[in-house]
Amino acid sequence: MTGRRSTSLRPGLVALLRARLQKISRLLRGSPPPPALVRTDPAIAEAAPLRQALKQLLDLHPSSRQLMRHLGYVERALARQGTRALDEVPVEVMETALEQLDAIVSNWSDRDLADLRSRMAVAIKRRSEEAFFGPDDDARRSDFATASRLLVGDVAHSVFEELQRQYQGLLPQERIQVVLGPSPAASRQPG
């Protein structure tokens, strides 16, 4: 014997392993699976012409995906999630991708590109009007105007000292010490 065991794999198992390895290599390269392997997802099917038009546009220049990362991200999200990507991609990324798309497209005669641009703009507008994400930068931040949120801000040191004096006047010093527990210095003293 030569030291190696001879194993015979069934042909079906070999084909299954080969298909799995091909799928893994496609995922690592970032390319979408072939149409035969894609389950019929209506969102992906609806986004296919939009993604294809964007792919053709980005394929015109080899480094466009590195230079316009946000637009490349939207392309990959359309491949994975279909039209749901317009609701899942962060609004900031979508806004930058839309700016990049506007910068490189001068002729909007391609119907699918125009449709993609329109859908992106509508998604940005709709999602920017949601609660806690207003149309301008100041309105995007919550004002924390509810009792369940804490508003933290900067105050002058004199204001802090005044609040501290008022708090200490409300509770006796012994009560504050009980709540805080023994100080680390007191617990280190030999007793």
N, C-alpha and C. Protein backbone atom coordinates (compact mmCIF):
# COMPACT_ATOMS: atom_id res chain seq x y z
N MET A 1 0.83 -1.16 0.00
CA MET A 1 0.00 0.00 0.00
C MET A 1 0.88 1.24 0.00
N THR A 2 0.42 2.33 -0.57
CA THR A 2 1.23 3.54 -0.71
C THR A 2 1.05 4.50 0.44
N GLY A 3 0.26 4.19 1.41
CA GLY A 3 0.07 5.09 2.55
C GLY A 3 -1.17 5.96 2.41
N ARG A 4 -1.75 6.03 1.26
CA ARG A 4 -2.95 6.83 1.07
C ARG A 4 -4.14 5.90 0.97
N ARG A 5 -5.19 6.29 1.58
CA ARG A 5 -6.40 5.50 1.47
C ARG A 5 -7.11 5.88 0.19
N SER A 6 -7.62 4.92 -0.45
CA SER A 6 -8.37 5.25 -1.66
C SER A 6 -9.83 5.39 -1.26
N THR A 7 -10.38 6.53 -1.58
CA THR A 7 -11.79 6.76 -1.27
C THR A 7 -12.50 7.04 -2.56
N SER A 8 -13.64 6.49 -2.67
CA SER A 8 -14.44 6.77 -3.86
C SER A 8 -15.65 7.58 -3.42
N LEU A 9 -15.74 8.76 -3.97
CA LEU A 9 -16.87 9.63 -3.67
C LEU A 9 -17.94 9.42 -4.72
N ARG A 10 -19.13 9.44 -4.28
CA ARG A 10 -20.22 9.31 -5.23
C ARG A 10 -20.24 10.53 -6.14
N PRO A 11 -20.60 10.36 -7.39
CA PRO A 11 -20.61 11.49 -8.32
C PRO A 11 -21.53 12.62 -7.87
N GLY A 12 -22.63 12.31 -7.25
CA GLY A 12 -23.55 13.35 -6.78
C GLY A 12 -22.92 14.21 -5.70
N LEU A 13 -22.13 13.58 -4.82
CA LEU A 13 -21.47 14.31 -3.75
C LEU A 13 -20.39 15.22 -4.32
N VAL A 14 -19.67 14.75 -5.31
CA VAL A 14 -18.63 15.56 -5.95
C VAL A 14 -19.27 16.79 -6.61
N ALA A 15 -20.37 16.59 -7.28
CA ALA A 15 -21.05 17.71 -7.94
C ALA A 15 -21.57 18.71 -6.91
N LEU A 16 -22.08 18.21 -5.80
CA LEU A 16 -22.57 19.08 -4.75
C LEU A 16 -21.42 19.90 -4.15
N LEU A 17 -20.31 19.24 -3.88
CA LEU A 17 -19.14 19.94 -3.33
C LEU A 17 -18.62 20.99 -4.32
N ARG A 18 -18.58 20.66 -5.58
CA ARG A 18 -18.11 21.58 -6.60
C ARG A 18 -19.03 22.82 -6.67
N ALA A 19 -20.34 22.57 -6.62
CA ALA A 19 -21.29 23.68 -6.66
C ALA A 19 -21.14 24.58 -5.44
N ARG A 20 -20.93 23.98 -4.27
CA ARG A 20 -20.75 24.77 -3.04
C ARG A 20 -19.47 25.61 -3.11
N LEU A 21 -18.40 25.02 -3.62
CA LEU A 21 -17.14 25.76 -3.75
C LEU A 21 -17.27 26.91 -4.73
N GLN A 22 -17.99 26.70 -5.81
CA GLN A 22 -18.21 27.78 -6.78
C GLN A 22 -19.03 28.90 -6.15
N LYS A 23 -20.02 28.54 -5.37
CA LYS A 23 -20.86 29.54 -4.70
C LYS A 23 -20.03 30.35 -3.72
N ILE A 24 -19.18 29.68 -2.96
CA ILE A 24 -18.31 30.37 -2.00
C ILE A 24 -17.35 31.30 -2.72
N SER A 25 -16.75 30.84 -3.82
CA SER A 25 -15.82 31.71 -4.55
C SER A 25 -16.53 32.92 -5.14
N ARG A 26 -17.78 32.76 -5.62
CA ARG A 26 -18.55 33.90 -6.12
C ARG A 26 -18.82 34.90 -5.01
N LEU A 27 -19.18 34.39 -3.83
CA LEU A 27 -19.45 35.29 -2.70
C LEU A 27 -18.20 36.05 -2.30
N LEU A 28 -17.05 35.38 -2.32
CA LEU A 28 -15.81 36.06 -1.96
C LEU A 28 -15.43 37.12 -2.99
N ARG A 29 -15.74 36.89 -4.24
CA ARG A 29 -15.45 37.88 -5.28
C ARG A 29 -16.49 38.99 -5.30
N GLY A 30 -17.62 38.78 -4.69
CA GLY A 30 -18.66 39.78 -4.64
C GLY A 30 -19.60 39.77 -5.82
N SER A 31 -19.51 38.78 -6.68
CA SER A 31 -20.40 38.74 -7.83
C SER A 31 -21.69 38.02 -7.44
N PRO A 32 -22.80 38.44 -8.02
CA PRO A 32 -24.06 37.79 -7.69
C PRO A 32 -24.12 36.39 -8.27
N PRO A 33 -24.92 35.53 -7.69
CA PRO A 33 -25.04 34.17 -8.22
C PRO A 33 -25.72 34.19 -9.59
N PRO A 34 -25.48 33.16 -10.39
CA PRO A 34 -26.11 33.12 -11.70
C PRO A 34 -27.63 33.05 -11.56
N PRO A 35 -28.37 33.50 -12.57
CA PRO A 35 -29.83 33.54 -12.47
C PRO A 35 -30.46 32.20 -12.16
N ALA A 36 -29.85 31.10 -12.57
CA ALA A 36 -30.43 29.79 -12.30
C ALA A 36 -30.45 29.48 -10.81
N LEU A 37 -29.49 30.03 -10.05
CA LEU A 37 -29.41 29.74 -8.63
C LEU A 37 -30.19 30.74 -7.78
N VAL A 38 -30.60 31.84 -8.36
CA VAL A 38 -31.32 32.86 -7.60
C VAL A 38 -32.77 32.43 -7.43
N ARG A 39 -33.23 32.47 -6.20
CA ARG A 39 -34.64 32.22 -5.98
C ARG A 39 -35.40 33.41 -6.53
N THR A 40 -36.56 33.18 -7.00
CA THR A 40 -37.32 34.25 -7.61
C THR A 40 -37.83 35.19 -6.53
N ASP A 41 -37.07 36.21 -6.26
CA ASP A 41 -37.43 37.24 -5.31
C ASP A 41 -37.91 38.44 -6.12
N PRO A 42 -39.14 38.88 -5.91
CA PRO A 42 -39.66 39.97 -6.73
C PRO A 42 -38.87 41.27 -6.59
N ALA A 43 -38.32 41.55 -5.40
CA ALA A 43 -37.54 42.77 -5.21
C ALA A 43 -36.26 42.73 -6.01
N ILE A 44 -35.62 41.55 -6.07
CA ILE A 44 -34.38 41.41 -6.84
C ILE A 44 -34.69 41.46 -8.33
N ALA A 45 -35.78 40.80 -8.73
CA ALA A 45 -36.16 40.82 -10.14
C ALA A 45 -36.50 42.23 -10.60
N GLU A 46 -37.17 43.00 -9.75
CA GLU A 46 -37.54 44.37 -10.10
C GLU A 46 -36.31 45.26 -10.21
N ALA A 47 -35.29 45.00 -9.39
CA ALA A 47 -34.08 45.82 -9.39
C ALA A 47 -33.07 45.39 -10.44
N ALA A 48 -33.26 44.24 -11.06
CA ALA A 48 -32.28 43.72 -12.02
C ALA A 48 -31.96 44.71 -13.15
N PRO A 49 -32.95 45.31 -13.83
CA PRO A 49 -32.59 46.25 -14.90
C PRO A 49 -31.92 47.52 -14.37
N LEU A 50 -32.30 47.95 -13.18
CA LEU A 50 -31.66 49.13 -12.58
C LEU A 50 -30.20 48.85 -12.27
N ARG A 51 -29.96 47.68 -11.67
CA ARG A 51 -28.60 47.28 -11.33
C ARG A 51 -27.75 47.08 -12.59
N GLN A 52 -28.35 46.48 -13.61
CA GLN A 52 -27.63 46.24 -14.86
C GLN A 52 -27.23 47.57 -15.51
N ALA A 53 -28.12 48.56 -15.51
CA ALA A 53 -27.79 49.87 -16.09
C ALA A 53 -26.67 50.53 -15.30
N LEU A 54 -26.73 50.43 -13.96
CA LEU A 54 -25.67 50.99 -13.12
C LEU A 54 -24.36 50.26 -13.33
N LYS A 55 -24.43 48.95 -13.47
CA LYS A 55 -23.23 48.14 -13.71
C LYS A 55 -22.57 48.54 -15.03
N GLN A 56 -23.37 48.71 -16.07
CA GLN A 56 -22.81 49.12 -17.36
C GLN A 56 -22.15 50.49 -17.26
N LEU A 57 -22.76 51.37 -16.51
CA LEU A 57 -22.19 52.71 -16.33
C LEU A 57 -20.86 52.63 -15.59
N LEU A 58 -20.82 51.87 -14.52
CA LEU A 58 -19.59 51.76 -13.73
C LEU A 58 -18.51 50.95 -14.45
N ASP A 59 -18.92 50.06 -15.34
CA ASP A 59 -17.95 49.26 -16.10
C ASP A 59 -17.21 50.08 -17.16
N LEU A 60 -17.71 51.28 -17.47
CA LEU A 60 -17.07 52.10 -18.49
C LEU A 60 -15.67 52.52 -18.08
N HIS A 61 -15.45 52.69 -16.80
CA HIS A 61 -14.12 53.06 -16.31
C HIS A 61 -13.73 52.06 -15.23
N PRO A 62 -12.56 51.42 -15.36
CA PRO A 62 -12.19 50.33 -14.45
C PRO A 62 -12.12 50.73 -12.97
N SER A 63 -11.72 51.95 -12.68
CA SER A 63 -11.54 52.32 -11.27
C SER A 63 -12.73 53.10 -10.71
N SER A 64 -13.83 53.11 -11.42
CA SER A 64 -14.98 53.90 -10.96
C SER A 64 -15.54 53.39 -9.63
N ARG A 65 -15.49 52.10 -9.39
CA ARG A 65 -16.02 51.56 -8.14
C ARG A 65 -15.13 51.92 -6.95
N GLN A 66 -13.82 52.10 -7.20
CA GLN A 66 -12.95 52.53 -6.11
C GLN A 66 -13.10 54.03 -5.87
N LEU A 67 -13.30 54.79 -6.93
CA LEU A 67 -13.43 56.24 -6.79
C LEU A 67 -14.81 56.63 -6.26
N MET A 68 -15.81 55.89 -6.65
CA MET A 68 -17.19 56.19 -6.24
C MET A 68 -17.73 55.02 -5.42
N ARG A 69 -17.18 54.87 -4.24
CA ARG A 69 -17.49 53.74 -3.38
C ARG A 69 -18.96 53.68 -2.99
N HIS A 70 -19.58 54.83 -2.79
CA HIS A 70 -20.98 54.84 -2.38
C HIS A 70 -21.87 54.29 -3.50
N LEU A 71 -21.56 54.67 -4.72
CA LEU A 71 -22.34 54.19 -5.86
C LEU A 71 -22.09 52.69 -6.06
N GLY A 72 -20.86 52.24 -5.86
CA GLY A 72 -20.57 50.81 -5.92
C GLY A 72 -21.29 50.04 -4.83
N TYR A 73 -21.40 50.65 -3.66
CA TYR A 73 -22.13 50.01 -2.56
C TYR A 73 -23.60 49.85 -2.92
N VAL A 74 -24.19 50.88 -3.51
CA VAL A 74 -25.59 50.79 -3.93
C VAL A 74 -25.76 49.70 -4.97
N GLU A 75 -24.80 49.58 -5.89
CA GLU A 75 -24.86 48.53 -6.91
C GLU A 75 -24.89 47.14 -6.25
N ARG A 76 -24.00 46.93 -5.29
CA ARG A 76 -23.95 45.63 -4.62
C ARG A 76 -25.21 45.39 -3.78
N ALA A 77 -25.72 46.44 -3.15
CA ALA A 77 -26.94 46.30 -2.35
C ALA A 77 -28.13 45.96 -3.24
N LEU A 78 -28.19 46.55 -4.43
CA LEU A 78 -29.27 46.21 -5.36
C LEU A 78 -29.18 44.74 -5.77
N ALA A 79 -27.97 44.23 -5.94
CA ALA A 79 -27.80 42.83 -6.32
C ALA A 79 -28.24 41.89 -5.19
N ARG A 80 -27.94 42.26 -3.95
CA ARG A 80 -28.27 41.40 -2.82
C ARG A 80 -29.72 41.53 -2.37
N GLN A 81 -30.21 42.77 -2.30
CA GLN A 81 -31.50 43.00 -1.67
C GLN A 81 -32.58 43.44 -2.65
N GLY A 82 -32.20 43.75 -3.85
CA GLY A 82 -33.18 44.24 -4.81
C GLY A 82 -33.63 45.64 -4.45
N THR A 83 -34.88 45.94 -4.71
CA THR A 83 -35.38 47.28 -4.43
C THR A 83 -35.50 47.56 -2.93
N ARG A 84 -35.44 46.52 -2.11
CA ARG A 84 -35.43 46.74 -0.65
C ARG A 84 -34.19 47.51 -0.23
N ALA A 85 -33.14 47.48 -1.05
CA ALA A 85 -31.91 48.19 -0.72
C ALA A 85 -32.16 49.69 -0.59
N LEU A 86 -33.13 50.20 -1.33
CA LEU A 86 -33.44 51.63 -1.25
C LEU A 86 -33.96 52.01 0.13
N ASP A 87 -34.50 51.03 0.86
CA ASP A 87 -34.96 51.28 2.22
C ASP A 87 -33.94 50.87 3.27
N GLU A 88 -32.93 50.10 2.88
CA GLU A 88 -31.98 49.56 3.84
C GLU A 88 -30.64 50.31 3.85
N VAL A 89 -30.21 50.82 2.72
CA VAL A 89 -28.93 51.53 2.65
C VAL A 89 -29.07 52.81 3.46
N PRO A 90 -28.08 53.14 4.31
CA PRO A 90 -28.18 54.37 5.09
C PRO A 90 -28.39 55.59 4.20
N VAL A 91 -29.18 56.52 4.70
CA VAL A 91 -29.55 57.70 3.91
C VAL A 91 -28.32 58.49 3.50
N GLU A 92 -27.33 58.60 4.39
CA GLU A 92 -26.12 59.36 4.06
C GLU A 92 -25.40 58.73 2.88
N VAL A 93 -25.34 57.41 2.86
CA VAL A 93 -24.69 56.70 1.76
C VAL A 93 -25.49 56.91 0.48
N MET A 94 -26.80 56.82 0.58
CA MET A 94 -27.66 57.00 -0.59
C MET A 94 -27.53 58.42 -1.15
N GLU A 95 -27.45 59.43 -0.28
CA GLU A 95 -27.31 60.82 -0.74
C GLU A 95 -26.00 61.00 -1.50
N THR A 96 -24.92 60.45 -0.95
CA THR A 96 -23.62 60.57 -1.62
C THR A 96 -23.63 59.82 -2.94
N ALA A 97 -24.24 58.65 -2.95
CA ALA A 97 -24.33 57.86 -4.19
C ALA A 97 -25.13 58.61 -5.25
N LEU A 98 -26.18 59.27 -4.85
CA LEU A 98 -26.99 60.05 -5.79
C LEU A 98 -26.18 61.22 -6.35
N GLU A 99 -25.40 61.88 -5.51
CA GLU A 99 -24.53 62.96 -5.99
C GLU A 99 -23.50 62.42 -6.99
N GLN A 100 -22.94 61.25 -6.68
CA GLN A 100 -21.97 60.65 -7.59
C GLN A 100 -22.62 60.27 -8.92
N LEU A 101 -23.82 59.73 -8.85
CA LEU A 101 -24.54 59.37 -10.07
C LEU A 101 -24.83 60.61 -10.91
N ASP A 102 -25.28 61.67 -10.27
CA ASP A 102 -25.54 62.91 -10.99
C ASP A 102 -24.26 63.48 -11.62
N ALA A 103 -23.14 63.27 -10.95
CA ALA A 103 -21.88 63.82 -11.45
C ALA A 103 -21.38 63.10 -12.70
N ILE A 104 -21.66 61.82 -12.84
CA ILE A 104 -21.10 61.09 -13.98
C ILE A 104 -22.08 60.87 -15.12
N VAL A 105 -23.36 61.10 -14.88
CA VAL A 105 -24.34 60.91 -15.96
C VAL A 105 -24.75 62.27 -16.49
N SER A 106 -24.53 62.47 -17.77
CA SER A 106 -24.96 63.73 -18.38
C SER A 106 -26.14 63.51 -19.32
N ASN A 107 -26.31 62.29 -19.78
CA ASN A 107 -27.41 61.97 -20.69
C ASN A 107 -28.31 60.96 -20.00
N TRP A 108 -29.50 61.39 -19.63
CA TRP A 108 -30.43 60.55 -18.91
C TRP A 108 -31.38 59.81 -19.85
N SER A 109 -30.93 59.54 -21.07
CA SER A 109 -31.80 58.85 -22.02
C SER A 109 -31.97 57.36 -21.67
N ASP A 110 -31.03 56.81 -20.91
CA ASP A 110 -31.18 55.43 -20.46
C ASP A 110 -32.30 55.39 -19.42
N ARG A 111 -33.37 54.74 -19.79
CA ARG A 111 -34.58 54.73 -18.96
C ARG A 111 -34.34 54.10 -17.59
N ASP A 112 -33.54 53.05 -17.54
CA ASP A 112 -33.30 52.37 -16.27
C ASP A 112 -32.45 53.23 -15.34
N LEU A 113 -31.46 53.94 -15.88
CA LEU A 113 -30.66 54.84 -15.05
C LEU A 113 -31.52 55.98 -14.51
N ALA A 114 -32.38 56.53 -15.36
CA ALA A 114 -33.27 57.60 -14.92
C ALA A 114 -34.23 57.08 -13.85
N ASP A 115 -34.71 55.86 -14.01
CA ASP A 115 -35.60 55.26 -13.03
C ASP A 115 -34.86 55.04 -11.70
N LEU A 116 -33.62 54.57 -11.77
CA LEU A 116 -32.83 54.38 -10.56
C LEU A 116 -32.62 55.71 -9.84
N ARG A 117 -32.26 56.75 -10.60
CA ARG A 117 -32.04 58.06 -10.00
C ARG A 117 -33.32 58.55 -9.32
N SER A 118 -34.43 58.38 -9.98
CA SER A 118 -35.71 58.82 -9.43
C SER A 118 -36.05 58.06 -8.15
N ARG A 119 -35.86 56.75 -8.16
CA ARG A 119 -36.16 55.94 -6.97
C ARG A 119 -35.24 56.30 -5.80
N MET A 120 -33.97 56.56 -6.11
CA MET A 120 -33.05 56.95 -5.05
C MET A 120 -33.47 58.28 -4.44
N ALA A 121 -33.82 59.25 -5.29
CA ALA A 121 -34.23 60.57 -4.79
C ALA A 121 -35.50 60.48 -3.95
N VAL A 122 -36.45 59.67 -4.39
CA VAL A 122 -37.70 59.50 -3.64
C VAL A 122 -37.42 58.82 -2.30
N ALA A 123 -36.56 57.81 -2.30
CA ALA A 123 -36.23 57.11 -1.06
C ALA A 123 -35.53 58.05 -0.08
N ILE A 124 -34.64 58.87 -0.58
CA ILE A 124 -33.94 59.83 0.30
C ILE A 124 -34.94 60.82 0.88
N LYS A 125 -35.80 61.34 0.05
CA LYS A 125 -36.80 62.32 0.50
C LYS A 125 -37.73 61.70 1.54
N ARG A 126 -38.23 60.51 1.25
CA ARG A 126 -39.16 59.85 2.16
C ARG A 126 -38.50 59.51 3.48
N ARG A 127 -37.30 58.96 3.42
CA ARG A 127 -36.62 58.54 4.64
C ARG A 127 -36.08 59.72 5.43
N SER A 128 -35.83 60.85 4.78
CA SER A 128 -35.36 62.04 5.49
C SER A 128 -36.48 62.69 6.28
N GLU A 129 -37.71 62.40 5.95
CA GLU A 129 -38.85 62.98 6.66
C GLU A 129 -39.29 62.13 7.84
N GLU A 130 -38.65 60.99 8.06
CA GLU A 130 -39.01 60.13 9.17
C GLU A 130 -38.64 60.79 10.50
N ALA A 131 -39.26 60.32 11.57
CA ALA A 131 -38.97 60.86 12.90
C ALA A 131 -37.50 60.65 13.23
N PHE A 132 -36.92 61.59 13.91
CA PHE A 132 -35.51 61.59 14.31
C PHE A 132 -34.57 61.67 13.13
N PHE A 133 -35.09 62.02 11.95
CA PHE A 133 -34.20 62.17 10.80
C PHE A 133 -34.83 63.19 9.87
N GLY A 134 -34.78 64.44 10.26
CA GLY A 134 -35.43 65.51 9.52
C GLY A 134 -34.67 65.90 8.28
N PRO A 135 -35.20 66.89 7.53
CA PRO A 135 -34.60 67.28 6.27
C PRO A 135 -33.28 68.03 6.39
N ASP A 136 -33.02 68.72 7.52
CA ASP A 136 -31.76 69.43 7.63
C ASP A 136 -30.96 68.88 8.80
N ASP A 137 -29.68 69.26 8.89
CA ASP A 137 -28.78 68.67 9.88
C ASP A 137 -29.26 68.89 11.31
N ASP A 138 -29.78 70.08 11.62
CA ASP A 138 -30.21 70.33 12.99
C ASP A 138 -31.43 69.49 13.36
N ALA A 139 -32.30 69.26 12.40
CA ALA A 139 -33.51 68.49 12.69
C ALA A 139 -33.23 66.99 12.70
N ARG A 140 -32.09 66.57 12.21
CA ARG A 140 -31.78 65.14 12.19
C ARG A 140 -31.52 64.62 13.60
N ARG A 141 -31.06 65.49 14.46
CA ARG A 141 -30.78 65.05 15.82
C ARG A 141 -32.05 65.19 16.65
N SER A 142 -32.26 64.25 17.50
CA SER A 142 -33.43 64.32 18.38
C SER A 142 -33.24 65.45 19.37
N ASP A 143 -34.32 66.11 19.73
CA ASP A 143 -34.22 67.15 20.74
C ASP A 143 -34.38 66.59 22.15
N PHE A 144 -34.58 65.30 22.24
CA PHE A 144 -34.69 64.61 23.52
C PHE A 144 -35.76 65.26 24.39
N ALA A 145 -36.87 65.60 23.80
CA ALA A 145 -37.93 66.32 24.50
C ALA A 145 -38.89 65.39 25.21
N THR A 146 -38.49 64.18 25.47
CA THR A 146 -39.37 63.27 26.20
C THR A 146 -38.74 62.94 27.55
N ALA A 147 -39.57 62.45 28.46
CA ALA A 147 -39.09 62.14 29.80
C ALA A 147 -38.16 60.94 29.81
N SER A 148 -38.16 60.13 28.76
CA SER A 148 -37.34 58.92 28.76
C SER A 148 -35.93 59.16 28.25
N ARG A 149 -35.60 60.41 27.94
CA ARG A 149 -34.26 60.68 27.40
C ARG A 149 -33.57 61.73 28.26
N LEU A 150 -32.29 61.73 28.27
CA LEU A 150 -31.48 62.64 29.05
C LEU A 150 -30.77 63.59 28.10
N LEU A 151 -30.85 64.87 28.37
CA LEU A 151 -30.17 65.87 27.55
C LEU A 151 -28.88 66.26 28.26
N VAL A 152 -27.76 66.08 27.59
CA VAL A 152 -26.47 66.40 28.16
C VAL A 152 -25.88 67.54 27.35
N GLY A 153 -25.39 68.54 28.08
CA GLY A 153 -24.77 69.68 27.40
C GLY A 153 -23.70 70.29 28.26
N ASP A 154 -23.03 71.29 27.75
CA ASP A 154 -21.96 71.97 28.48
C ASP A 154 -22.54 73.17 29.22
N VAL A 155 -22.06 73.36 30.43
CA VAL A 155 -22.42 74.54 31.22
C VAL A 155 -21.15 75.10 31.81
N ALA A 156 -21.24 76.35 32.26
CA ALA A 156 -20.09 76.97 32.91
C ALA A 156 -19.84 76.28 34.25
N HIS A 157 -18.60 76.34 34.71
CA HIS A 157 -18.23 75.70 35.97
C HIS A 157 -19.00 76.30 37.14
N SER A 158 -19.25 77.59 37.09
CA SER A 158 -20.00 78.25 38.18
C SER A 158 -21.43 77.71 38.26
N VAL A 159 -22.04 77.40 37.12
CA VAL A 159 -23.39 76.83 37.11
C VAL A 159 -23.36 75.44 37.73
N PHE A 160 -22.35 74.66 37.40
CA PHE A 160 -22.20 73.32 37.97
C PHE A 160 -22.05 73.39 39.49
N GLU A 161 -21.20 74.30 39.97
CA GLU A 161 -21.01 74.42 41.41
C GLU A 161 -22.29 74.84 42.12
N GLU A 162 -23.06 75.74 41.50
CA GLU A 162 -24.32 76.17 42.09
C GLU A 162 -25.30 75.00 42.18
N LEU A 163 -25.41 74.22 41.12
CA LEU A 163 -26.29 73.04 41.15
C LEU A 163 -25.83 72.03 42.19
N GLN A 164 -24.52 71.88 42.32
CA GLN A 164 -23.99 70.95 43.31
C GLN A 164 -24.34 71.42 44.72
N ARG A 165 -24.23 72.73 44.99
CA ARG A 165 -24.58 73.27 46.30
C ARG A 165 -26.08 73.08 46.58
N GLN A 166 -26.90 73.29 45.57
CA GLN A 166 -28.34 73.11 45.75
C GLN A 166 -28.66 71.65 46.06
N TYR A 167 -28.01 70.72 45.37
CA TYR A 167 -28.26 69.30 45.59
C TYR A 167 -27.82 68.89 46.99
N GLN A 168 -26.66 69.37 47.40
CA GLN A 168 -26.17 69.02 48.73
C GLN A 168 -27.04 69.63 49.81
N GLY A 169 -27.71 70.76 49.53
CA GLY A 169 -28.62 71.37 50.50
C GLY A 169 -29.91 70.59 50.63
N LEU A 170 -30.30 69.82 49.60
CA LEU A 170 -31.54 69.05 49.65
C LEU A 170 -31.41 67.79 50.49
N LEU A 171 -30.24 67.19 50.49
CA LEU A 171 -30.03 65.94 51.22
C LEU A 171 -28.95 66.13 52.27
N PRO A 172 -29.11 65.52 53.42
CA PRO A 172 -28.04 65.60 54.41
C PRO A 172 -26.80 64.84 53.91
N GLN A 173 -25.65 65.28 54.35
CA GLN A 173 -24.39 64.71 53.90
C GLN A 173 -24.31 63.21 54.22
N GLU A 174 -24.89 62.78 55.33
CA GLU A 174 -24.85 61.36 55.71
C GLU A 174 -25.62 60.51 54.69
N ARG A 175 -26.75 61.02 54.24
CA ARG A 175 -27.56 60.29 53.25
C ARG A 175 -26.80 60.15 51.94
N ILE A 176 -26.10 61.19 51.53
CA ILE A 176 -25.31 61.14 50.30
C ILE A 176 -24.22 60.08 50.43
N GLN A 177 -23.57 60.02 51.60
CA GLN A 177 -22.50 59.04 51.81
C GLN A 177 -23.04 57.62 51.80
N VAL A 178 -24.25 57.40 52.34
CA VAL A 178 -24.87 56.07 52.34
C VAL A 178 -25.16 55.64 50.91
N VAL A 179 -25.68 56.57 50.13
CA VAL A 179 -26.00 56.24 48.74
C VAL A 179 -24.74 55.96 47.94
N LEU A 180 -23.71 56.76 48.16
CA LEU A 180 -22.46 56.58 47.41
C LEU A 180 -21.66 55.38 47.90
N GLY A 181 -21.84 55.00 49.13
CA GLY A 181 -21.07 53.89 49.67
C GLY A 181 -19.76 54.39 50.24
N PRO A 182 -18.98 53.48 50.80
CA PRO A 182 -17.71 53.92 51.39
C PRO A 182 -16.75 54.37 50.30
N SER A 183 -15.97 55.38 50.61
CA SER A 183 -15.00 55.89 49.64
C SER A 183 -13.85 54.90 49.50
N PRO A 184 -13.20 54.86 48.35
CA PRO A 184 -12.09 53.93 48.17
C PRO A 184 -10.96 54.16 49.16
N ALA A 185 -10.74 55.42 49.57
CA ALA A 185 -9.66 55.71 50.52
C ALA A 185 -10.01 55.14 51.89
N ALA A 186 -11.29 55.22 52.30
CA ALA A 186 -11.70 54.71 53.59
C ALA A 186 -11.60 53.20 53.67
N SER A 187 -11.84 52.52 52.54
CA SER A 187 -11.78 51.06 52.55
C SER A 187 -10.34 50.56 52.56
N ARG A 188 -9.38 51.42 52.21
CA ARG A 188 -7.98 50.99 52.21
C ARG A 188 -7.30 51.21 53.56
N GLN A 189 -7.92 52.00 54.44
CA GLN A 189 -7.29 52.27 55.73
C GLN A 189 -7.35 51.04 56.62
N PRO A 190 -6.22 50.73 57.28
CA PRO A 190 -6.24 49.56 58.16
C PRO A 190 -7.12 49.87 59.38
N GLY A 191 -7.89 48.95 59.78
CA GLY A 191 -8.81 49.21 60.88
C GLY A 191 -8.66 48.33 61.99
